[in-house]
Amino acid sequence: MSEQVSTAVEPKVVKKTNFKVVGTYCQTMMDEREVKIPRLMEHFHTSKLHKVKNRINNPNSIGMFVDPPNWNEATEAFYWIAAVEVDSFEKIPQDMITKTIPAHKYAVLEYDPSVHDFNPYPYLFQWIKSKGYELVEGFGFEEYHPYTGTETKFTLYLPIK
């Protein structure tokens, strides 16, 4: 890691209540994620987002990974969801999916790709271990304030116990 790691905001632990999201998704392998995820995020924010009528917490949006059980990152695909938070699942566009995220405790890291020169995922994974927490497998998400493209600042949330 470079010297810029020291500019990272110290991770923290927060509790979030359950919340609902609506969005679109793609399935991808780790080696394809750098192409597929930005394409999905751009398409959602330019062509789909305006169709969501019951959005809350505007201008925030979410990018979420969902891994299959016992996921092997070298051989198995995972899902990425581009979404926004909603107050209900009424009047959802037919070409979108819904997901309720359960209440959890999260390890949280503020990340700015224009300033930080490290990968926030392994950085936060290591912090979780070093503090004696256990990662809850299966999902995590990035929250954008708002999403402006691949260099958007975000808050990374990884569920812990």
Protein backbone atom coordinates (compact mmCIF):
# COMPACT_ATOMS: atom_id res chain seq x y z
CA MET A 1 0.00 0.00 0.00
CA SER A 2 1.16 3.53 -0.61
CA GLU A 3 1.73 6.34 1.83
CA GLN A 4 -1.72 7.72 1.05
CA VAL A 5 -3.30 5.02 3.23
CA SER A 6 -2.65 7.39 6.14
CA THR A 7 -5.15 9.81 4.60
CA ALA A 8 -7.93 7.26 5.04
CA VAL A 9 -10.65 8.03 7.52
CA GLU A 10 -10.53 5.56 10.39
CA PRO A 11 -13.24 2.92 9.97
CA LYS A 12 -16.07 2.91 12.49
CA VAL A 13 -18.95 0.68 13.52
CA VAL A 14 -22.56 1.75 13.02
CA LYS A 15 -25.96 0.13 13.37
CA LYS A 16 -28.52 0.51 10.59
CA THR A 17 -32.16 -0.41 10.68
CA ASN A 18 -33.61 -2.42 7.82
CA PHE A 19 -34.24 -0.55 4.59
CA LYS A 20 -35.71 -1.17 1.15
CA VAL A 21 -34.03 -0.65 -2.21
CA VAL A 22 -35.18 -0.77 -5.83
CA GLY A 23 -32.84 -1.11 -8.75
CA THR A 24 -31.31 -3.20 -11.49
CA TYR A 25 -28.61 -5.84 -11.34
CA CYS A 26 -26.00 -7.77 -13.25
CA GLN A 27 -24.13 -10.98 -12.57
CA THR A 28 -20.35 -10.82 -12.88
CA MET A 29 -17.12 -12.62 -12.14
CA MET A 30 -14.37 -10.80 -10.26
CA ASP A 31 -12.25 -10.44 -13.41
CA GLU A 32 -15.16 -8.78 -15.29
CA ARG A 33 -16.33 -6.47 -12.50
CA GLU A 34 -14.25 -3.46 -13.60
CA VAL A 35 -16.25 -3.37 -16.87
CA LYS A 36 -19.70 -4.73 -15.97
CA ILE A 37 -20.31 -2.82 -12.72
CA PRO A 38 -19.50 0.68 -14.05
CA ARG A 39 -21.64 -0.06 -17.13
CA LEU A 40 -24.58 -1.10 -14.91
CA MET A 41 -24.16 1.88 -12.58
CA GLU A 42 -24.05 4.33 -15.48
CA HIS A 43 -27.08 2.76 -17.18
CA PHE A 44 -29.09 2.78 -13.94
CA HIS A 45 -28.30 6.40 -13.11
CA THR A 46 -28.89 7.73 -16.63
CA SER A 47 -31.78 5.56 -17.87
CA LYS A 48 -33.60 3.91 -14.95
CA LEU A 49 -33.37 6.07 -11.83
CA HIS A 50 -35.97 8.61 -12.97
CA LYS A 51 -38.60 5.81 -13.11
CA VAL A 52 -38.45 5.23 -9.33
CA LYS A 53 -41.30 7.28 -7.89
CA ASN A 54 -41.07 6.50 -4.15
CA ARG A 55 -37.37 7.22 -3.67
CA ILE A 56 -36.13 8.51 -0.32
CA ASN A 57 -32.76 9.88 0.84
CA ASN A 58 -32.22 11.66 -2.47
CA PRO A 59 -29.52 12.18 -3.84
CA ASN A 60 -27.98 9.05 -2.25
CA SER A 61 -27.82 5.80 -4.17
CA ILE A 62 -26.37 2.36 -3.54
CA GLY A 63 -24.15 -0.19 -5.22
CA MET A 64 -24.50 -3.57 -3.53
CA PHE A 65 -22.76 -6.90 -3.94
CA VAL A 66 -24.62 -10.10 -3.17
CA ASP A 67 -22.57 -13.30 -3.05
CA PRO A 68 -23.95 -16.82 -3.30
CA PRO A 69 -23.53 -19.05 -0.19
CA ASN A 70 -19.95 -20.29 0.26
CA TRP A 71 -18.89 -18.04 -2.61
CA ASN A 72 -15.57 -18.76 -4.30
CA GLU A 73 -14.39 -15.52 -5.91
CA ALA A 74 -12.08 -17.33 -8.35
CA THR A 75 -14.74 -19.60 -9.87
CA GLU A 76 -18.21 -18.18 -9.11
CA ALA A 77 -20.14 -15.11 -10.19
CA PHE A 78 -21.77 -12.67 -7.80
CA TYR A 79 -24.54 -10.09 -8.25
CA TRP A 80 -24.16 -6.32 -8.25
CA ILE A 81 -27.24 -4.20 -7.66
CA ALA A 82 -27.46 -0.51 -8.62
CA ALA A 83 -30.27 0.89 -6.50
CA VAL A 84 -31.89 3.66 -4.51
CA GLU A 85 -33.66 3.54 -1.19
CA VAL A 86 -37.48 3.63 -1.24
CA ASP A 87 -40.18 3.97 1.38
CA SER A 88 -42.27 1.11 -0.05
CA PHE A 89 -42.38 -1.42 -2.86
CA GLU A 90 -45.50 0.12 -4.41
CA LYS A 91 -45.41 1.36 -8.02
CA ILE A 92 -42.08 -0.31 -8.82
CA PRO A 93 -41.13 -0.29 -12.51
CA GLN A 94 -41.56 -3.79 -13.98
CA ASP A 95 -37.95 -4.03 -15.14
CA MET A 96 -36.54 -3.44 -11.63
CA ILE A 97 -35.96 -5.62 -8.59
CA THR A 98 -36.65 -5.01 -4.92
CA LYS A 99 -34.61 -6.02 -1.90
CA THR A 100 -35.02 -5.48 1.82
CA ILE A 101 -31.73 -5.14 3.66
CA PRO A 102 -32.03 -6.43 7.23
CA ALA A 103 -30.97 -4.44 10.27
CA HIS A 104 -27.27 -4.99 10.95
CA LYS A 105 -24.16 -3.73 12.60
CA TYR A 106 -21.67 -2.55 9.95
CA ALA A 107 -18.01 -1.71 9.68
CA VAL A 108 -17.96 1.54 7.72
CA LEU A 109 -15.23 3.29 5.75
CA GLU A 110 -15.37 6.62 3.93
CA TYR A 111 -13.49 6.28 0.63
CA ASP A 112 -12.48 8.88 -1.95
CA PRO A 113 -10.77 7.43 -5.05
CA SER A 114 -9.30 10.85 -5.92
CA VAL A 115 -7.40 10.92 -2.60
CA HIS A 116 -6.96 7.34 -1.38
CA ASP A 117 -4.51 5.06 -3.14
CA PHE A 118 -5.61 1.66 -1.82
CA ASN A 119 -8.42 -0.85 -2.28
CA PRO A 120 -11.03 -0.13 0.41
CA TYR A 121 -12.37 -3.70 0.53
CA PRO A 122 -9.26 -5.55 1.78
CA TYR A 123 -8.43 -2.52 3.94
CA LEU A 124 -11.78 -2.75 5.73
CA PHE A 125 -11.67 -6.59 5.86
CA GLN A 126 -8.31 -6.34 7.68
CA TRP A 127 -9.63 -3.70 10.07
CA ILE A 128 -12.62 -5.92 10.90
CA LYS A 129 -10.29 -8.82 11.80
CA SER A 130 -7.90 -6.60 13.76
CA LYS A 131 -10.75 -5.30 15.93
CA GLY A 132 -12.06 -8.79 16.70
CA TYR A 133 -15.23 -8.60 14.62
CA GLU A 134 -16.45 -11.29 12.25
CA LEU A 135 -17.60 -10.46 8.74
CA VAL A 136 -21.16 -11.49 7.89
CA GLU A 137 -20.80 -13.19 4.52
CA GLY A 138 -23.10 -12.62 1.58
CA PHE A 139 -23.45 -8.89 0.98
CA GLY A 140 -22.18 -5.39 1.50
CA PHE A 141 -22.75 -2.05 -0.14
CA GLU A 142 -21.37 1.28 -1.20
CA GLU A 143 -23.45 4.39 -0.56
CA TYR A 144 -22.91 7.37 -2.89
CA HIS A 145 -23.78 10.98 -2.00
CA PRO A 146 -24.63 11.21 -5.01
CA TYR A 147 -23.23 8.87 -7.67
CA THR A 148 -21.30 10.89 -10.29
CA GLY A 149 -19.31 8.19 -12.12
CA THR A 150 -16.48 5.77 -11.50
CA GLU A 151 -14.51 8.26 -9.38
CA THR A 152 -17.39 8.91 -6.96
CA LYS A 153 -16.64 9.14 -3.25
CA PHE A 154 -18.53 6.50 -1.28
CA THR A 155 -19.12 5.00 2.11
CA LEU A 156 -18.42 1.26 2.24
CA TYR A 157 -20.64 -0.82 4.56
CA LEU A 158 -19.68 -4.41 5.44
CA PRO A 159 -21.97 -6.29 7.87
CA ILE A 160 -20.27 -7.62 11.00
CA LYS A 161 -21.01 -9.50 14.18
